[in-house]
Amino acid sequence: MVGVVRGGAPDHAAALTEDDLDALIRMAISSTDAQGMQDMGRVMNDLRPQVLGWVDMGHLSKKVRAALSG
């Protein structure tokens, strides 16, 4: 499970798993038409509103970097 950075999830919301986060990253890469590291900012900007408060941004950055590099 991905670490929650503040407060906690509302009763009706499920926590994000690593698999959920990986899927969000794949969708963001696809929707921004990212081709490599030069597009990392666009991918992060696409993801930020969806995960802010739920995911440590440093962790997200590492995962996006790995996805764009591989």
PDB file of N, CA and C in Angstrom:
ATOM      1  N   MET A   1       0.841  -1.175   0.000  1.00  0.00           N
ATOM      2  CA  MET A   1       0.000   0.000   0.000  1.00  0.00           C
ATOM      3  C   MET A   1       0.890   1.243   0.000  1.00  0.00           C
ATOM      4  N   VAL A   2       0.493   2.231  -0.729  1.00  0.00           N
ATOM      5  CA  VAL A   2       1.226   3.489  -0.817  1.00  0.00           C
ATOM      6  C   VAL A   2       0.963   4.291   0.441  1.00  0.00           C
ATOM      7  N   GLY A   3       1.986   4.934   0.988  1.00  0.00           N
ATOM      8  CA  GLY A   3       1.837   5.686   2.222  1.00  0.00           C
ATOM      9  C   GLY A   3       0.970   6.922   2.068  1.00  0.00           C
ATOM     10  N   VAL A   4       0.048   7.095   2.979  1.00  0.00           N
ATOM     11  CA  VAL A   4      -0.767   8.311   3.033  1.00  0.00           C
ATOM     12  C   VAL A   4       0.045   9.371   3.748  1.00  0.00           C
ATOM     13  N   VAL A   5       0.087  10.599   3.225  1.00  0.00           N
ATOM     14  CA  VAL A   5       0.951  11.611   3.803  1.00  0.00           C
ATOM     15  C   VAL A   5       0.260  12.543   4.777  1.00  0.00           C
ATOM     16  N   ARG A   6      -1.051  12.563   4.793  1.00  0.00           N
ATOM     17  CA  ARG A   6      -1.713  13.397   5.808  1.00  0.00           C
ATOM     18  C   ARG A   6      -3.101  12.866   6.114  1.00  0.00           C
ATOM     19  N   GLY A   7      -3.469  13.006   7.342  1.00  0.00           N
ATOM     20  CA  GLY A   7      -4.820  12.685   7.776  1.00  0.00           C
ATOM     21  C   GLY A   7      -5.228  11.245   7.629  1.00  0.00           C
ATOM     22  N   GLY A   8      -5.424  10.809   6.456  1.00  0.00           N
ATOM     23  CA  GLY A   8      -5.924   9.468   6.187  1.00  0.00           C
ATOM     24  C   GLY A   8      -7.069   9.543   5.210  1.00  0.00           C
ATOM     25  N   ALA A   9      -7.444   8.402   4.728  1.00  0.00           N
ATOM     26  CA  ALA A   9      -8.498   8.342   3.715  1.00  0.00           C
ATOM     27  C   ALA A   9      -9.854   8.522   4.366  1.00  0.00           C
ATOM     28  N   PRO A  10     -10.761   9.220   3.687  1.00  0.00           N
ATOM     29  CA  PRO A  10     -12.141   9.273   4.170  1.00  0.00           C
ATOM     30  C   PRO A  10     -12.717   7.859   4.200  1.00  0.00           C
ATOM     31  N   ASP A  11     -13.748   7.643   4.975  1.00  0.00           N
ATOM     32  CA  ASP A  11     -14.331   6.313   5.124  1.00  0.00           C
ATOM     33  C   ASP A  11     -14.716   5.687   3.790  1.00  0.00           C
ATOM     34  N   HIS A  12     -15.158   6.488   2.833  1.00  0.00           N
ATOM     35  CA  HIS A  12     -15.646   5.959   1.567  1.00  0.00           C
ATOM     36  C   HIS A  12     -14.541   5.738   0.532  1.00  0.00           C
ATOM     37  N   ALA A  13     -13.332   6.161   0.827  1.00  0.00           N
ATOM     38  CA  ALA A  13     -12.251   6.076  -0.162  1.00  0.00           C
ATOM     39  C   ALA A  13     -11.283   4.956   0.192  1.00  0.00           C
ATOM     40  N   ALA A  14     -10.915   4.182  -0.805  1.00  0.00           N
ATOM     41  CA  ALA A  14      -9.932   3.121  -0.605  1.00  0.00           C
ATOM     42  C   ALA A  14      -8.533   3.699  -0.761  1.00  0.00           C
ATOM     43  N   ALA A  15      -7.587   3.120  -0.057  1.00  0.00           N
ATOM     44  CA  ALA A  15      -6.198   3.554  -0.173  1.00  0.00           C
ATOM     45  C   ALA A  15      -5.642   3.119  -1.522  1.00  0.00           C
ATOM     46  N   LEU A  16      -4.679   3.877  -2.026  1.00  0.00           N
ATOM     47  CA  LEU A  16      -4.015   3.519  -3.274  1.00  0.00           C
ATOM     48  C   LEU A  16      -3.003   2.411  -3.013  1.00  0.00           C
ATOM     49  N   THR A  17      -3.012   1.400  -3.848  1.00  0.00           N
ATOM     50  CA  THR A  17      -1.998   0.352  -3.777  1.00  0.00           C
ATOM     51  C   THR A  17      -0.895   0.705  -4.772  1.00  0.00           C
ATOM     52  N   GLU A  18       0.214   0.002  -4.699  1.00  0.00           N
ATOM     53  CA  GLU A  18       1.295   0.204  -5.677  1.00  0.00           C
ATOM     54  C   GLU A  18       0.793  -0.097  -7.081  1.00  0.00           C
ATOM     55  N   ASP A  19      -0.055  -1.118  -7.214  1.00  0.00           N
ATOM     56  CA  ASP A  19      -0.621  -1.448  -8.532  1.00  0.00           C
ATOM     57  C   ASP A  19      -1.493  -0.309  -9.058  1.00  0.00           C
ATOM     58  N   ASP A  20      -2.287   0.297  -8.164  1.00  0.00           N
ATOM     59  CA  ASP A  20      -3.112   1.452  -8.558  1.00  0.00           C
ATOM     60  C   ASP A  20      -2.222   2.591  -9.037  1.00  0.00           C
ATOM     61  N   LEU A  21      -1.157   2.840  -8.287  1.00  0.00           N
ATOM     62  CA  LEU A  21      -0.251   3.925  -8.631  1.00  0.00           C
ATOM     63  C   LEU A  21       0.434   3.655  -9.970  1.00  0.00           C
ATOM     64  N   ASP A  22       0.866   2.420 -10.187  1.00  0.00           N
ATOM     65  CA  ASP A  22       1.478   2.053 -11.467  1.00  0.00           C
ATOM     66  C   ASP A  22       0.506   2.275 -12.618  1.00  0.00           C
ATOM     67  N   ALA A  23      -0.758   1.927 -12.409  1.00  0.00           N
ATOM     68  CA  ALA A  23      -1.775   2.125 -13.453  1.00  0.00           C
ATOM     69  C   ALA A  23      -1.980   3.614 -13.727  1.00  0.00           C
ATOM     70  N   LEU A  24      -2.030   4.432 -12.677  1.00  0.00           N
ATOM     71  CA  LEU A  24      -2.180   5.879 -12.862  1.00  0.00           C
ATOM     72  C   LEU A  24      -0.993   6.452 -13.635  1.00  0.00           C
ATOM     73  N   ILE A  25       0.202   5.966 -13.339  1.00  0.00           N
ATOM     74  CA  ILE A  25       1.399   6.438 -14.033  1.00  0.00           C
ATOM     75  C   ILE A  25       1.332   6.061 -15.508  1.00  0.00           C
ATOM     76  N   ARG A  26       0.952   4.817 -15.799  1.00  0.00           N
ATOM     77  CA  ARG A  26       0.819   4.398 -17.208  1.00  0.00           C
ATOM     78  C   ARG A  26      -0.198   5.257 -17.945  1.00  0.00           C
ATOM     79  N   MET A  27      -1.333   5.546 -17.294  1.00  0.00           N
ATOM     80  CA  MET A  27      -2.366   6.383 -17.930  1.00  0.00           C
ATOM     81  C   MET A  27      -1.855   7.803 -18.160  1.00  0.00           C
ATOM     82  N   ALA A  28      -1.122   8.346 -17.191  1.00  0.00           N
ATOM     83  CA  ALA A  28      -0.597   9.708 -17.334  1.00  0.00           C
ATOM     84  C   ALA A  28       0.437   9.779 -18.451  1.00  0.00           C
ATOM     85  N   ILE A  29       1.275   8.768 -18.561  1.00  0.00           N
ATOM     86  CA  ILE A  29       2.269   8.732 -19.639  1.00  0.00           C
ATOM     87  C   ILE A  29       1.553   8.679 -20.985  1.00  0.00           C
ATOM     88  N   SER A  30       0.533   7.867 -21.068  1.00  0.00           N
ATOM     89  CA  SER A  30      -0.221   7.748 -22.312  1.00  0.00           C
ATOM     90  C   SER A  30      -0.970   9.040 -22.648  1.00  0.00           C
ATOM     91  N   SER A  31      -1.656   9.607 -21.656  1.00  0.00           N
ATOM     92  CA  SER A  31      -2.480  10.793 -21.926  1.00  0.00           C
ATOM     93  C   SER A  31      -1.658  12.036 -22.238  1.00  0.00           C
ATOM     94  N   THR A  32      -0.416  12.081 -21.745  1.00  0.00           N
ATOM     95  CA  THR A  32       0.452  13.228 -22.042  1.00  0.00           C
ATOM     96  C   THR A  32       1.363  12.949 -23.236  1.00  0.00           C
ATOM     97  N   ASP A  33       1.269  11.737 -23.785  1.00  0.00           N
ATOM     98  CA  ASP A  33       2.097  11.319 -24.916  1.00  0.00           C
ATOM     99  C   ASP A  33       3.586  11.456 -24.586  1.00  0.00           C
ATOM    100  N   ALA A  34       3.931  11.141 -23.328  1.00  0.00           N
ATOM    101  CA  ALA A  34       5.314  11.262 -22.873  1.00  0.00           C
ATOM    102  C   ALA A  34       6.195  10.233 -23.579  1.00  0.00           C
ATOM    103  N   GLN A  35       7.378  10.689 -23.986  1.00  0.00           N
ATOM    104  CA  GLN A  35       8.308   9.834 -24.714  1.00  0.00           C
ATOM    105  C   GLN A  35       9.588   9.536 -23.930  1.00  0.00           C
ATOM    106  N   GLY A  36       9.868  10.303 -22.901  1.00  0.00           N
ATOM    107  CA  GLY A  36      11.098  10.093 -22.140  1.00  0.00           C
ATOM    108  C   GLY A  36      11.195  11.069 -20.991  1.00  0.00           C
ATOM    109  N   MET A  37      12.397  11.125 -20.408  1.00  0.00           N
ATOM    110  CA  MET A  37      12.620  11.960 -19.226  1.00  0.00           C
ATOM    111  C   MET A  37      12.305  13.435 -19.461  1.00  0.00           C
ATOM    112  N   GLN A  38      12.447  13.903 -20.686  1.00  0.00           N
ATOM    113  CA  GLN A  38      12.153  15.310 -20.974  1.00  0.00           C
ATOM    114  C   GLN A  38      10.671  15.634 -20.726  1.00  0.00           C
ATOM    115  N   ASP A  39       9.828  14.607 -20.610  1.00  0.00           N
ATOM    116  CA  ASP A  39       8.396  14.801 -20.402  1.00  0.00           C
ATOM    117  C   ASP A  39       7.964  14.544 -18.960  1.00  0.00           C
ATOM    118  N   MET A  40       8.925  14.364 -18.071  1.00  0.00           N
ATOM    119  CA  MET A  40       8.596  14.033 -16.685  1.00  0.00           C
ATOM    120  C   MET A  40       7.709  15.104 -16.035  1.00  0.00           C
ATOM    121  N   GLY A  41       7.986  16.360 -16.289  1.00  0.00           N
ATOM    122  CA  GLY A  41       7.182  17.437 -15.712  1.00  0.00           C
ATOM    123  C   GLY A  41       5.725  17.359 -16.119  1.00  0.00           C
ATOM    124  N   ARG A  42       5.484  17.058 -17.381  1.00  0.00           N
ATOM    125  CA  ARG A  42       4.091  16.938 -17.852  1.00  0.00           C
ATOM    126  C   ARG A  42       3.385  15.772 -17.176  1.00  0.00           C
ATOM    127  N   VAL A  43       4.092  14.653 -17.028  1.00  0.00           N
ATOM    128  CA  VAL A  43       3.496  13.480 -16.380  1.00  0.00           C
ATOM    129  C   VAL A  43       3.201  13.785 -14.913  1.00  0.00           C
ATOM    130  N   MET A  44       4.161  14.382 -14.214  1.00  0.00           N
ATOM    131  CA  MET A  44       3.956  14.723 -12.800  1.00  0.00           C
ATOM    132  C   MET A  44       2.802  15.711 -12.636  1.00  0.00           C
ATOM    133  N   ASN A  45       2.712  16.700 -13.509  1.00  0.00           N
ATOM    134  CA  ASN A  45       1.622  17.678 -13.436  1.00  0.00           C
ATOM    135  C   ASN A  45       0.269  17.024 -13.680  1.00  0.00           C
ATOM    136  N   ASP A  46       0.238  16.012 -14.538  1.00  0.00           N
ATOM    137  CA  ASP A  46      -1.001  15.284 -14.795  1.00  0.00           C
ATOM    138  C   ASP A  46      -1.412  14.459 -13.573  1.00  0.00           C
ATOM    139  N   LEU A  47      -0.440  13.877 -12.897  1.00  0.00           N
ATOM    140  CA  LEU A  47      -0.719  13.009 -11.749  1.00  0.00           C
ATOM    141  C   LEU A  47      -1.016  13.765 -10.457  1.00  0.00           C
ATOM    142  N   ARG A  48      -0.369  14.897 -10.275  1.00  0.00           N
ATOM    143  CA  ARG A  48      -0.425  15.619  -8.995  1.00  0.00           C
ATOM    144  C   ARG A  48      -1.851  15.781  -8.446  1.00  0.00           C
ATOM    145  N   PRO A  49      -2.815  16.275  -9.224  1.00  0.00           N
ATOM    146  CA  PRO A  49      -4.152  16.462  -8.634  1.00  0.00           C
ATOM    147  C   PRO A  49      -4.819  15.152  -8.198  1.00  0.00           C
ATOM    148  N   GLN A  50      -4.438  14.055  -8.814  1.00  0.00           N
ATOM    149  CA  GLN A  50      -5.049  12.769  -8.503  1.00  0.00           C
ATOM    150  C   GLN A  50      -4.483  12.132  -7.241  1.00  0.00           C
ATOM    151  N   VAL A  51      -3.231  12.457  -6.908  1.00  0.00           N
ATOM    152  CA  VAL A  51      -2.569  11.750  -5.809  1.00  0.00           C
ATOM    153  C   VAL A  51      -2.155  12.640  -4.653  1.00  0.00           C
ATOM    154  N   LEU A  52      -2.258  13.941  -4.808  1.00  0.00           N
ATOM    155  CA  LEU A  52      -1.817  14.858  -3.764  1.00  0.00           C
ATOM    156  C   LEU A  52      -2.549  14.562  -2.453  1.00  0.00           C
ATOM    157  N   GLY A  53      -1.792  14.370  -1.407  1.00  0.00           N
ATOM    158  CA  GLY A  53      -2.360  14.029  -0.117  1.00  0.00           C
ATOM    159  C   GLY A  53      -2.454  12.530   0.117  1.00  0.00           C
ATOM    160  N   TRP A  54      -2.297  11.746  -0.926  1.00  0.00           N
ATOM    161  CA  TRP A  54      -2.390  10.291  -0.824  1.00  0.00           C
ATOM    162  C   TRP A  54      -1.027   9.619  -0.957  1.00  0.00           C
ATOM    163  N   VAL A  55      -0.141  10.237  -1.728  1.00  0.00           N
ATOM    164  CA  VAL A  55       1.133   9.605  -2.078  1.00  0.00           C
ATOM    165  C   VAL A  55       2.277  10.579  -1.805  1.00  0.00           C
ATOM    166  N   ASP A  56       3.354  10.063  -1.263  1.00  0.00           N
ATOM    167  CA  ASP A  56       4.560  10.859  -1.099  1.00  0.00           C
ATOM    168  C   ASP A  56       5.078  11.228  -2.488  1.00  0.00           C
ATOM    169  N   MET A  57       5.261  12.510  -2.741  1.00  0.00           N
ATOM    170  CA  MET A  57       5.643  12.954  -4.084  1.00  0.00           C
ATOM    171  C   MET A  57       7.043  12.492  -4.463  1.00  0.00           C
ATOM    172  N   GLY A  58       7.923  12.294  -3.509  1.00  0.00           N
ATOM    173  CA  GLY A  58       9.244  11.753  -3.797  1.00  0.00           C
ATOM    174  C   GLY A  58       9.149  10.320  -4.310  1.00  0.00           C
ATOM    175  N   HIS A  59       8.280   9.551  -3.684  1.00  0.00           N
ATOM    176  CA  HIS A  59       8.044   8.170  -4.117  1.00  0.00           C
ATOM    177  C   HIS A  59       7.458   8.162  -5.530  1.00  0.00           C
ATOM    178  N   LEU A  60       6.492   9.034  -5.762  1.00  0.00           N
ATOM    179  CA  LEU A  60       5.874   9.135  -7.084  1.00  0.00           C
ATOM    180  C   LEU A  60       6.918   9.517  -8.128  1.00  0.00           C
ATOM    181  N   SER A  61       7.751  10.478  -7.815  1.00  0.00           N
ATOM    182  CA  SER A  61       8.777  10.932  -8.744  1.00  0.00           C
ATOM    183  C   SER A  61       9.709   9.788  -9.146  1.00  0.00           C
ATOM    184  N   LYS A  62      10.118   8.975  -8.173  1.00  0.00           N
ATOM    185  CA  LYS A  62      10.988   7.836  -8.463  1.00  0.00           C
ATOM    186  C   LYS A  62      10.298   6.834  -9.393  1.00  0.00           C
ATOM    187  N   LYS A  63       9.019   6.593  -9.143  1.00  0.00           N
ATOM    188  CA  LYS A  63       8.284   5.637  -9.973  1.00  0.00           C
ATOM    189  C   LYS A  63       8.084   6.176 -11.386  1.00  0.00           C
ATOM    190  N   VAL A  64       7.787   7.461 -11.515  1.00  0.00           N
ATOM    191  CA  VAL A  64       7.618   8.061 -12.850  1.00  0.00           C
ATOM    192  C   VAL A  64       8.952   8.028 -13.599  1.00  0.00           C
ATOM    193  N   ARG A  65      10.020   8.379 -12.907  1.00  0.00           N
ATOM    194  CA  ARG A  65      11.347   8.355 -13.519  1.00  0.00           C
ATOM    195  C   ARG A  65      11.676   6.961 -14.054  1.00  0.00           C
ATOM    196  N   ALA A  66      11.410   5.951 -13.240  1.00  0.00           N
ATOM    197  CA  ALA A  66      11.679   4.570 -13.655  1.00  0.00           C
ATOM    198  C   ALA A  66      10.810   4.174 -14.853  1.00  0.00           C
ATOM    199  N   ALA A  67       9.557   4.585 -14.844  1.00  0.00           N
ATOM    200  CA  ALA A  67       8.663   4.239 -15.954  1.00  0.00           C
ATOM    201  C   ALA A  67       9.099   4.924 -17.251  1.00  0.00           C
ATOM    202  N   LEU A  68       9.569   6.163 -17.152  1.00  0.00           N
ATOM    203  CA  LEU A  68       9.994   6.884 -18.352  1.00  0.00           C
ATOM    204  C   LEU A  68      11.368   6.421 -18.846  1.00  0.00           C
ATOM    205  N   SER A  69      12.160   5.859 -17.964  1.00  0.00           N
ATOM    206  CA  SER A  69      13.500   5.412 -18.343  1.00  0.00           C
ATOM    207  C   SER A  69      13.492   4.012 -18.942  1.00  0.00           C
ATOM    208  N   GLY A  70      12.494   3.237 -18.578  1.00  0.00           N
ATOM    209  CA  GLY A  70      12.492   1.836 -18.999  1.00  0.00           C
ATOM    210  C   GLY A  70      11.532   1.587 -20.046  1.00  0.00           C
TER     211      GLY A  70
END
